[in-house]
Protein backbone atom coordinates (compact mmCIF):
# COMPACT_ATOMS: atom_id res chain seq x y z
CA MET A 1 170.61 110.49 119.33
CA LYS A 2 168.82 111.71 122.33
CA LYS A 3 171.38 113.04 124.66
CA VAL A 4 171.39 111.93 128.41
CA LEU A 5 173.40 113.60 130.90
CA ILE A 6 174.70 111.24 134.15
CA ILE A 7 175.99 113.09 137.04
CA SER A 8 176.99 110.02 139.44
CA GLY A 9 179.81 108.20 140.93
CA ASN A 10 182.05 105.65 139.88
CA ASP A 11 181.83 101.56 140.84
CA PRO A 12 185.20 100.00 140.05
CA HIS A 13 183.46 96.45 139.08
CA GLY A 14 180.84 98.24 136.68
CA LEU A 15 178.01 96.80 138.91
CA ALA A 16 176.34 100.13 139.18
CA GLY A 17 176.89 103.98 139.42
CA SER A 18 178.11 105.65 136.25
CA THR A 19 178.82 102.41 134.13
CA LEU A 20 175.78 100.80 134.77
CA ASP A 21 174.13 104.40 133.77
CA VAL A 22 176.34 104.48 130.65
CA LYS A 23 174.97 100.66 129.59
CA THR A 24 171.44 101.33 130.46
CA VAL A 25 171.16 104.61 128.71
CA THR A 26 173.21 103.13 125.45
CA ALA A 27 170.77 99.97 125.39
CA LEU A 28 167.88 101.77 125.44
CA GLY A 29 168.87 103.56 122.16
CA CYS A 30 170.23 107.28 123.59
CA HIS A 31 173.68 108.83 123.94
CA PRO A 32 175.12 108.78 127.33
CA MET A 33 177.09 111.80 128.57
CA PRO A 34 178.86 110.81 132.19
CA VAL A 35 180.00 113.14 134.94
CA ILE A 36 181.64 112.00 137.98
CA THR A 37 180.91 112.93 141.18
CA ALA A 38 182.72 110.49 143.19
CA LEU A 39 185.51 107.47 143.33
CA THR A 40 184.12 104.81 145.33
CA THR A 41 186.50 101.83 146.55
CA GLN A 42 183.58 99.54 146.94
CA ASP A 43 184.54 95.75 146.29
CA ILE A 44 182.20 93.37 144.18
CA ASN A 45 179.85 92.91 146.54
CA GLY A 46 179.10 96.87 147.13
CA LYS A 47 181.30 97.47 150.31
CA GLY A 48 183.75 100.20 150.73
CA THR A 49 183.83 104.23 150.86
CA SER A 50 183.31 107.13 148.72
CA GLN A 51 185.77 109.87 147.90
CA PRO A 52 184.06 112.94 146.58
CA VAL A 53 185.59 115.05 143.44
CA ASP A 54 186.57 118.45 144.19
CA ALA A 55 183.50 121.25 143.70
CA ASP A 56 185.68 122.74 141.18
CA VAL A 57 186.14 119.78 139.34
CA LEU A 58 182.38 118.66 139.09
CA LYS A 59 181.68 122.55 138.27
CA ASN A 60 184.19 122.56 135.47
CA GLN A 61 182.67 118.91 134.23
CA LEU A 62 179.35 120.58 134.29
CA GLN A 63 180.32 123.68 132.67
CA ALA A 64 181.32 121.55 129.58
CA PHE A 65 177.81 121.23 129.25
CA GLN A 66 176.48 125.00 129.67
CA ASN A 67 175.72 125.23 125.82
CA THR A 68 175.02 121.77 125.27
CA PRO A 69 171.34 120.73 124.26
CA LEU A 70 170.02 117.95 126.62
CA ASP A 71 167.28 115.50 126.49
CA ALA A 72 167.22 114.27 130.05
CA ILE A 73 169.49 114.51 133.01
CA LYS A 74 170.14 111.31 135.55
CA ILE A 75 171.66 112.44 138.63
CA GLY A 76 172.85 109.48 141.14
CA LEU A 77 175.49 109.44 143.83
CA VAL A 78 175.80 112.94 145.59
CA PRO A 79 178.65 112.43 148.41
CA ASN A 80 177.59 115.71 149.97
CA ARG A 81 176.02 119.03 150.07
CA GLU A 82 178.80 121.10 148.65
CA LEU A 83 178.66 119.06 145.52
CA MET A 84 174.50 118.98 145.56
CA GLU A 85 174.74 123.02 145.69
CA VAL A 86 176.66 122.65 142.42
CA ILE A 87 174.48 120.29 140.78
CA PHE A 88 171.64 122.49 141.53
CA ALA A 89 173.38 125.49 140.24
CA PHE A 90 173.86 123.87 136.76
CA LEU A 91 170.21 122.83 137.14
CA GLU A 92 169.14 126.17 137.33
CA THR A 93 170.28 126.56 133.45
CA LYS A 94 168.58 123.54 132.38
CA LYS A 95 165.09 124.24 133.76
CA ASP A 96 163.45 122.98 130.90
CA THR A 97 165.20 119.64 130.80
CA PHE A 98 163.77 116.57 132.29
CA SER A 99 166.01 115.36 135.51
CA VAL A 100 165.59 112.47 137.53
CA LEU A 101 167.51 112.31 140.96
CA ASP A 102 168.24 108.75 142.65
CA PRO A 103 169.20 109.87 146.11
CA VAL A 104 171.87 107.48 146.83
CA GLY A 105 172.96 107.38 150.39
CA PHE A 106 174.17 103.87 150.82
CA SER A 107 175.42 101.13 148.77
CA SER A 108 173.94 97.88 148.30
CA GLY A 109 176.32 96.40 150.46
CA GLY A 110 175.44 98.97 152.95
CA SER A 111 178.09 101.17 152.97
CA GLN A 112 177.30 104.86 153.51
CA LEU A 113 178.57 106.60 150.30
CA SER A 114 176.47 110.01 151.03
CA ASN A 115 176.74 112.26 154.19
CA TRP A 116 173.94 114.84 153.26
CA ARG A 117 170.85 114.96 155.66
CA HIS A 118 167.61 115.04 154.64
CA GLU A 119 167.26 118.99 155.36
CA ASP A 120 169.73 119.49 152.64
CA LEU A 121 167.58 117.95 149.91
CA GLN A 122 164.69 119.51 151.08
CA SER A 123 165.77 123.29 151.36
CA SER A 124 167.31 122.90 147.70
CA ALA A 125 166.25 125.46 145.68
CA LEU A 126 165.52 123.51 142.71
CA PRO A 127 163.75 120.06 143.10
CA THR A 128 164.47 117.79 140.02
CA SER A 129 161.32 116.73 137.73
CA LEU A 130 161.26 113.26 139.77
CA ILE A 131 163.17 111.63 142.90
CA THR A 132 163.44 107.99 143.20
CA PRO A 133 163.99 107.01 146.72
CA ASN A 134 163.98 103.16 147.77
CA ILE A 135 162.46 103.01 151.16
CA PRO A 136 165.42 103.36 153.33
CA GLU A 137 166.15 106.54 151.44
CA ALA A 138 162.51 107.70 151.65
CA GLU A 139 162.38 107.10 155.42
CA CYS A 140 165.68 109.58 155.58
CA LEU A 141 164.04 112.03 153.50
CA SER A 142 160.83 112.06 155.01
CA GLY A 143 161.45 111.68 158.38
CA ILE A 144 159.02 108.95 158.73
CA SER A 145 159.50 105.38 159.19
CA ILE A 146 157.76 103.16 156.69
CA LYS A 147 156.76 99.82 158.05
CA THR A 148 153.36 99.48 156.08
CA THR A 149 151.90 100.74 152.82
CA ASP A 150 149.98 103.30 154.48
CA ASP A 151 153.62 104.62 156.20
CA LEU A 152 155.05 104.50 152.82
CA LYS A 153 151.85 106.66 151.32
CA LYS A 154 152.43 109.40 154.15
CA ALA A 155 156.11 109.64 153.16
CA GLY A 156 155.24 109.73 149.77
CA GLU A 157 152.92 112.68 149.94
CA ALA A 158 155.10 114.33 152.21
CA LEU A 159 158.25 114.37 149.86
CA GLN A 160 155.67 115.54 147.26
CA LYS A 161 155.21 118.59 148.83
CA THR A 162 158.96 119.35 148.03
CA TRP A 163 159.58 117.35 144.78
CA LYS A 164 157.35 117.57 141.46
CA SER A 165 156.84 114.07 141.43
CA VAL A 166 158.32 111.05 143.65
CA LEU A 167 158.65 107.61 142.74
CA ILE A 168 159.18 105.32 146.22
CA LYS A 169 160.17 101.99 145.09
CA GLY A 170 159.21 98.81 146.49
CA GLY A 171 161.37 95.84 147.52
CA HIS A 172 163.57 96.37 150.92
CA GLY A 173 161.20 93.87 152.52
CA HIS A 174 158.21 95.17 151.03
CA ASN A 175 156.51 93.97 147.59
CA ALA A 176 157.63 94.82 144.27
CA THR A 177 154.97 97.70 143.87
CA ASP A 178 156.34 101.51 142.98
CA TYR A 179 154.50 103.94 143.99
CA LEU A 180 154.56 107.47 142.08
CA PHE A 181 153.10 110.48 143.76
CA LEU A 182 151.97 113.64 141.63
CA GLU A 183 150.35 116.85 142.94
CA ASP A 184 147.00 115.44 142.20
CA GLN A 185 146.94 111.65 142.19
CA THR A 186 149.19 108.45 143.09
CA ILE A 187 149.91 105.93 140.54
CA GLU A 188 150.46 102.36 141.63
CA PHE A 189 153.21 99.97 139.36
CA THR A 190 152.79 96.51 140.27
CA GLY A 191 155.82 93.92 139.66
CA THR A 192 156.94 90.41 140.70
CA MET A 193 158.90 90.04 144.17
CA LEU A 194 162.22 88.16 142.54
CA ASN A 195 164.41 86.60 144.88
CA GLN A 196 167.71 87.11 143.09
CA GLU A 197 169.56 89.66 144.81
CA CYS A 198 171.13 91.91 142.05
CA ARG A 199 173.34 95.25 142.52
CA GLY A 200 172.48 98.40 140.14
CA THR A 201 168.58 97.96 140.24
CA GLY A 202 168.32 101.29 141.46
CA CYS A 203 170.93 102.71 139.14
CA ALA A 204 169.06 101.01 136.27
CA LEU A 205 165.77 102.07 136.73
CA SER A 206 166.75 105.88 137.47
CA SER A 207 168.83 105.97 134.15
CA GLY A 208 166.24 104.17 132.28
CA ILE A 209 163.30 106.36 133.37
CA ALA A 210 165.83 109.26 132.05
CA ALA A 211 166.25 107.82 128.49
CA LEU A 212 162.63 106.74 128.19
CA THR A 213 161.56 110.25 128.85
CA ALA A 214 164.23 111.24 126.51
CA LEU A 215 162.82 109.28 123.60
CA GLY A 216 159.85 111.21 124.28
CA LEU A 217 157.43 109.08 126.44
CA SER A 218 155.40 110.27 129.26
CA LEU A 219 156.21 109.81 132.81
CA GLU A 220 154.23 106.95 133.80
CA ALA A 221 155.18 105.43 130.50
CA SER A 222 158.64 105.81 130.92
CA ILE A 223 158.54 104.31 134.59
CA ARG A 224 156.19 101.27 133.32
CA SER A 225 158.64 100.90 130.41
CA ALA A 226 161.94 101.33 133.04
CA LYS A 227 160.43 98.96 135.57
CA ALA A 228 159.96 96.10 133.00
CA PHE A 229 163.68 96.73 131.87
CA VAL A 230 164.75 96.19 135.59
CA GLN A 231 162.73 93.30 136.02
CA SER A 232 164.12 91.44 132.57
CA GLY A 233 167.37 92.43 133.82
CA ILE A 234 167.00 90.80 137.42
CA GLU A 235 165.50 87.98 135.45
CA ASN A 236 168.72 87.22 133.31
CA ALA A 237 171.36 88.82 136.01
CA ILE A 238 175.05 88.12 135.44
CA GLU A 239 177.25 86.52 137.79
CA VAL A 240 180.54 88.08 138.65
CA GLU A 241 183.19 85.96 140.52
CA ALA A 242 184.66 88.22 143.44
CA ASP A 243 188.16 89.57 143.21
CA ILE A 244 189.95 88.00 145.75
CA TYR A 245 192.88 90.55 145.73
CA SER A 246 190.71 93.61 146.32
CA LEU A 247 188.63 91.65 149.24
CA GLY A 248 192.04 90.73 150.58
CA THR A 249 191.09 87.04 151.39
CA ASN A 250 191.90 83.51 149.71
CA GLN A 251 188.16 82.88 149.21
CA THR A 252 187.29 81.95 145.47
CA ASP A 253 183.59 81.40 145.99
CA ILE A 254 182.39 84.94 146.47
CA THR A 255 180.44 86.14 143.74
CA ALA A 256 177.95 89.11 142.93
CA THR A 257 175.10 89.37 140.58
CA GLY A 258 174.53 92.50 138.38
CA ILE A 259 171.66 93.63 136.28
CA SER A 260 171.78 92.25 132.66
CA VAL A 261 171.07 94.79 129.86
CA LYS A 262 172.22 92.22 127.26
CA ARG A 263 168.62 91.53 126.23
CA ILE A 264 167.34 94.79 125.89
CA PRO A 265 168.72 96.20 122.41
CA ALA A 266 166.97 93.58 120.49
CA THR A 267 163.53 95.26 121.72
CA LEU A 268 164.93 98.75 120.66
CA ASP A 269 166.16 98.20 117.21
CA GLU A 270 166.38 100.81 114.24
CA ASN A 271 162.87 100.27 113.39
CA ILE A 272 161.18 101.00 116.67
CA LEU A 273 163.66 104.06 117.17
CA ARG A 274 162.66 105.49 113.84
CA VAL A 275 159.02 105.55 114.37
CA GLN A 276 159.57 106.90 117.99
CA LYS A 277 161.48 109.71 116.27
CA LEU A 278 158.25 110.21 114.31
CA VAL A 279 156.27 109.96 117.45
CA ASN A 280 158.47 112.43 118.85
CA GLU A 281 158.37 114.90 115.55
CA LEU A 282 154.53 114.79 116.04
CA LYS A 283 154.06 115.34 119.66
CA GLU A 284 155.72 119.00 118.92
CA LEU A 285 152.83 119.66 116.24
CA PRO A 286 149.07 120.78 117.21
CA ILE A 287 147.60 117.72 115.64
CA ALA A 288 145.09 117.08 118.09
CA GLY A 289 142.13 118.23 115.44
CA LEU A 290 143.78 115.75 113.01
CA LEU A 291 143.11 112.65 114.96
CA PRO A 292 140.20 110.47 114.04
CA GLU A 293 137.76 109.64 117.20
CA ILE A 294 139.27 106.00 116.77
CA GLN A 295 142.47 107.54 117.34
CA ALA A 296 145.31 106.94 115.34
CA ASN A 297 148.18 104.56 114.75
CA ILE A 298 151.38 104.14 112.67
CA ALA A 299 152.43 101.28 110.52
CA TYR A 300 155.98 101.16 109.63
CA ALA A 301 158.05 98.36 107.83
CA GLU A 302 161.18 98.67 105.33
CA GLY A 303 161.65 95.76 103.08
CA ASN A 304 158.92 93.10 102.52
CA PRO A 305 157.43 92.34 105.80
CA THR A 306 155.77 88.80 105.85
CA GLY A 307 152.87 89.61 108.35
CA LEU A 308 151.44 91.81 110.99
CA HIS A 309 154.39 90.52 113.38
CA GLU A 310 156.95 92.21 111.47
CA ILE A 311 155.27 95.87 111.10
CA VAL A 312 155.78 98.24 114.00
CA GLY A 313 153.01 100.29 115.62
CA ILE A 314 151.90 102.10 118.40
CA PRO A 315 150.84 100.07 121.55
CA GLY A 316 147.34 101.66 122.49
CA ARG A 317 147.58 104.09 119.66
CA LEU A 318 148.28 107.80 119.40
CA VAL A 319 146.07 109.68 121.27
CA ARG A 320 144.87 112.92 121.97
CA PHE A 321 146.60 115.19 124.64
CA GLY A 322 145.90 118.45 124.80
CA LYS A 323 146.45 120.39 121.38
CA SER A 324 148.66 117.44 120.69
CA CYS A 325 149.22 113.80 120.98
CA ASP A 326 150.80 111.10 123.56
CA THR A 327 151.59 107.60 123.71
CA VAL A 328 151.75 104.97 126.69
CA ALA A 329 154.78 102.82 125.72
CA LEU A 330 157.30 102.71 122.72
CA PRO A 331 156.56 101.29 119.58
CA ALA A 332 156.50 97.48 118.98
CA TYR A 333 156.39 94.93 116.34
CA GLY A 334 152.75 93.61 116.14
CA ALA A 335 151.16 96.71 118.34
CA THR A 336 149.11 97.69 114.87
CA ARG A 337 146.43 95.48 113.05
CA HIS A 338 143.77 97.58 110.70
CA ILE A 339 146.79 100.19 109.69
CA ALA A 340 149.48 97.45 109.65
CA LYS A 341 146.93 95.42 107.04
CA VAL A 342 146.96 99.00 104.82
CA LEU A 343 150.58 99.01 104.67
CA LEU A 344 150.82 95.26 103.63
CA THR A 345 148.58 95.96 101.07
CA CYS A 346 150.38 99.12 99.80
CA LYS A 347 153.59 97.18 99.69
CA ARG A 348 152.41 94.58 97.55
CA LYS A 349 152.25 97.26 94.71
CA ASP A 350 154.93 99.36 95.84
CA PRO A 351 157.76 97.95 98.16
CA LEU A 352 159.38 101.35 98.76
CA VAL A 353 156.39 102.43 100.79
CA THR A 354 157.05 102.20 104.23
CA THR A 355 154.86 104.43 106.77
CA VAL A 356 150.78 104.80 107.03
CA ILE A 357 149.10 106.80 109.52
CA ASP A 358 145.62 107.48 109.61
CA ILE A 359 143.97 111.19 110.57
CA CYS A 360 140.16 112.32 110.54
CA TYR A 361 138.00 112.69 107.17
CA THR A 362 136.81 116.19 106.40
CA PRO A 363 136.36 117.18 102.28
CA GLU A 364 138.67 119.93 103.12
CA LEU A 365 141.35 118.39 104.24
CA VAL A 366 140.75 116.20 100.77
CA GLU A 367 140.57 119.15 99.15
CA LYS A 368 143.74 120.61 100.93
CA LEU A 369 146.04 117.75 100.16
CA LYS A 370 145.38 117.78 96.69
CA LYS A 371 145.71 121.29 96.17
CA SER A 372 149.31 120.69 97.66
CA GLY A 373 149.94 118.06 94.79
CA TYR A 374 149.50 114.92 96.87
CA SER A 375 147.67 112.03 94.67
CA ALA A 376 144.34 110.62 96.40
CA GLY A 377 142.75 107.32 96.34
CA SER A 378 139.47 106.43 97.59
CA PHE A 379 136.99 103.55 98.02
CA SER A 380 133.25 103.52 99.62
CA ARG A 381 132.15 100.78 101.97
CA ALA A 382 128.66 100.83 100.17
CA ASP A 383 130.67 98.73 97.29
CA GLU A 384 132.28 96.13 99.87
CA PRO A 385 131.20 92.61 99.06
CA LYS A 386 129.11 90.89 101.73
CA ASN A 387 131.55 88.30 102.21
CA ILE A 388 134.35 90.82 102.85
CA ARG A 389 131.78 92.77 105.13
CA GLU A 390 131.32 89.88 107.18
CA ILE A 391 134.97 89.27 108.20
CA GLU A 392 136.42 91.34 111.11
CA GLY A 393 139.25 93.54 109.78
CA SER A 394 139.21 93.13 105.94
CA THR A 395 137.35 96.39 104.93
CA LEU A 396 140.51 98.25 104.77
CA GLU A 397 142.61 95.57 103.29
CA TRP A 398 139.75 95.52 100.30
CA GLY A 399 139.01 99.12 99.98
CA THR A 400 143.13 99.74 99.77
CA ARG A 401 143.48 97.39 97.11
CA LYS A 402 140.31 98.51 95.48
CA ALA A 403 141.98 102.11 95.38
CA ILE A 404 145.43 101.26 94.09
CA GLU A 405 143.71 99.07 91.38
CA GLU A 406 141.69 101.94 90.07
CA LEU A 407 144.68 104.29 90.13
CA ASN A 408 147.41 101.53 89.05
CA PHE A 409 149.72 103.03 91.40
CA VAL A 410 149.97 103.25 95.07
CA PRO A 411 148.65 107.36 95.74
CA ASP A 412 149.84 109.35 98.39
CA PHE A 413 146.52 109.10 100.90
CA ILE A 414 143.48 106.91 100.58
CA TYR A 415 140.32 108.13 102.25
CA ASP A 416 136.55 106.45 102.60
CA GLU A 417 133.32 108.69 103.81
CA GLY A 418 132.67 105.94 106.23
CA GLY A 419 129.56 103.87 106.76
CA MET A 420 127.17 102.61 109.05
CA GLY A 421 129.19 102.40 112.49
CA LYS A 422 132.00 103.44 110.65
CA GLU A 423 134.26 106.58 111.08
CA PRO A 424 135.33 108.39 107.61
CA VAL A 425 139.18 108.20 107.92
CA ILE A 426 142.12 109.18 105.46
CA ARG A 427 145.15 107.04 105.57
CA LEU A 428 148.51 108.92 104.54
CA ILE A 429 151.08 106.85 102.96
CA THR A 430 154.40 107.59 102.47
CA HIS A 431 158.07 106.30 101.34
CA LYS A 432 159.55 107.61 104.32
CA PRO A 433 158.17 108.47 107.91
CA GLU A 434 159.31 112.18 107.96
CA GLU A 435 157.10 112.75 104.86
CA ILE A 436 154.31 112.17 107.42
CA THR A 437 155.20 115.05 109.27
CA LYS A 438 155.69 117.30 106.50
CA MET A 439 152.20 116.15 105.17
CA LEU A 440 150.68 116.93 108.54
CA GLN A 441 152.29 120.09 108.57
CA ARG A 442 151.03 121.54 105.25
CA LEU A 443 147.32 120.52 106.72
CA LEU A 444 147.88 122.48 109.86
């Protein structure tokens, strides 16, 4: 599992802070490792104080991870400059690890939890990979009053001079659009403004971005998916009754709502995580030259799927990115059609087949695969019956079936040399996803 280090404060009611960070990271399929910066006395509505841990205590907690390979780091509540310097010193040793800072200044109930000034963050020696202030926090950090969208953009551009990337979150009296400020562009992430008041949304968004980045998504895709995660969580928020003892009143009708993560694991089941693991492996390889002009997709399924809706694929496909590849979203069911039909056809002959990916065709690649001991099948589009040709999406199903029938078994790859307006393609076929990586490594 991907490991996400969480550096944040404790919320006694579990509606924000480290508890919610842990729940979010776990829901998104990663392993959370929490380090505590402060013990807060917040009541259920987020009102209370913050008691920082001793700097040596924080330093010793982080020291435990000095030799631990991390996939992402999320930083939440940092109550003072002294602890900030301890954290930044630790980040110096983890420069290659993605890190996101949610610069918490006040609780959702309006209580001040941190006493740092914006100069403290601006003068830090090591900006994190991403900072995610809401509008009041962006005002504090930039020194710019934000009343309009133009004000927000000025604040974002000012902060981007110090930080690698800045995500200013909407809400707080504005619309639900978030703005990502990068060195060379600004990206907008639109959303629906919800009436539901809900604690923990900022914590969930930043820890969600950390987890999704750890899983291998690009920054933009991580933000987009984390934003959808938070919106779903607000729509399904949980209502928690007030603790009348901590509030010191006899009222029993005081309630607070917290973001729900109950529905998230179903969208990130074992099959999706297995395909994402394969995607992560492929991103480490210089496979851009092996991808077809139509780009590639992966089809994956265990057992006996009954239709395309039970096949996991890549939304938007696996596309060239530099010398390697990238994706725009996590794998999802029903996200591939053509390659899924190849997989379904193969499974009718051999149910143990689980994975198919398409790569570009050249005679040299076919020979290299054969010399590596892989069995080959092929079909010619010229032999395709007219009634099949006229049905969109039927060619691959027909061609795959024809190649299998000629061999009487499912080969390790099936290729065709294309046709009028059709690119020649090789489809790699394996029993396990990791075998795809091995085949591509041999081709490289």
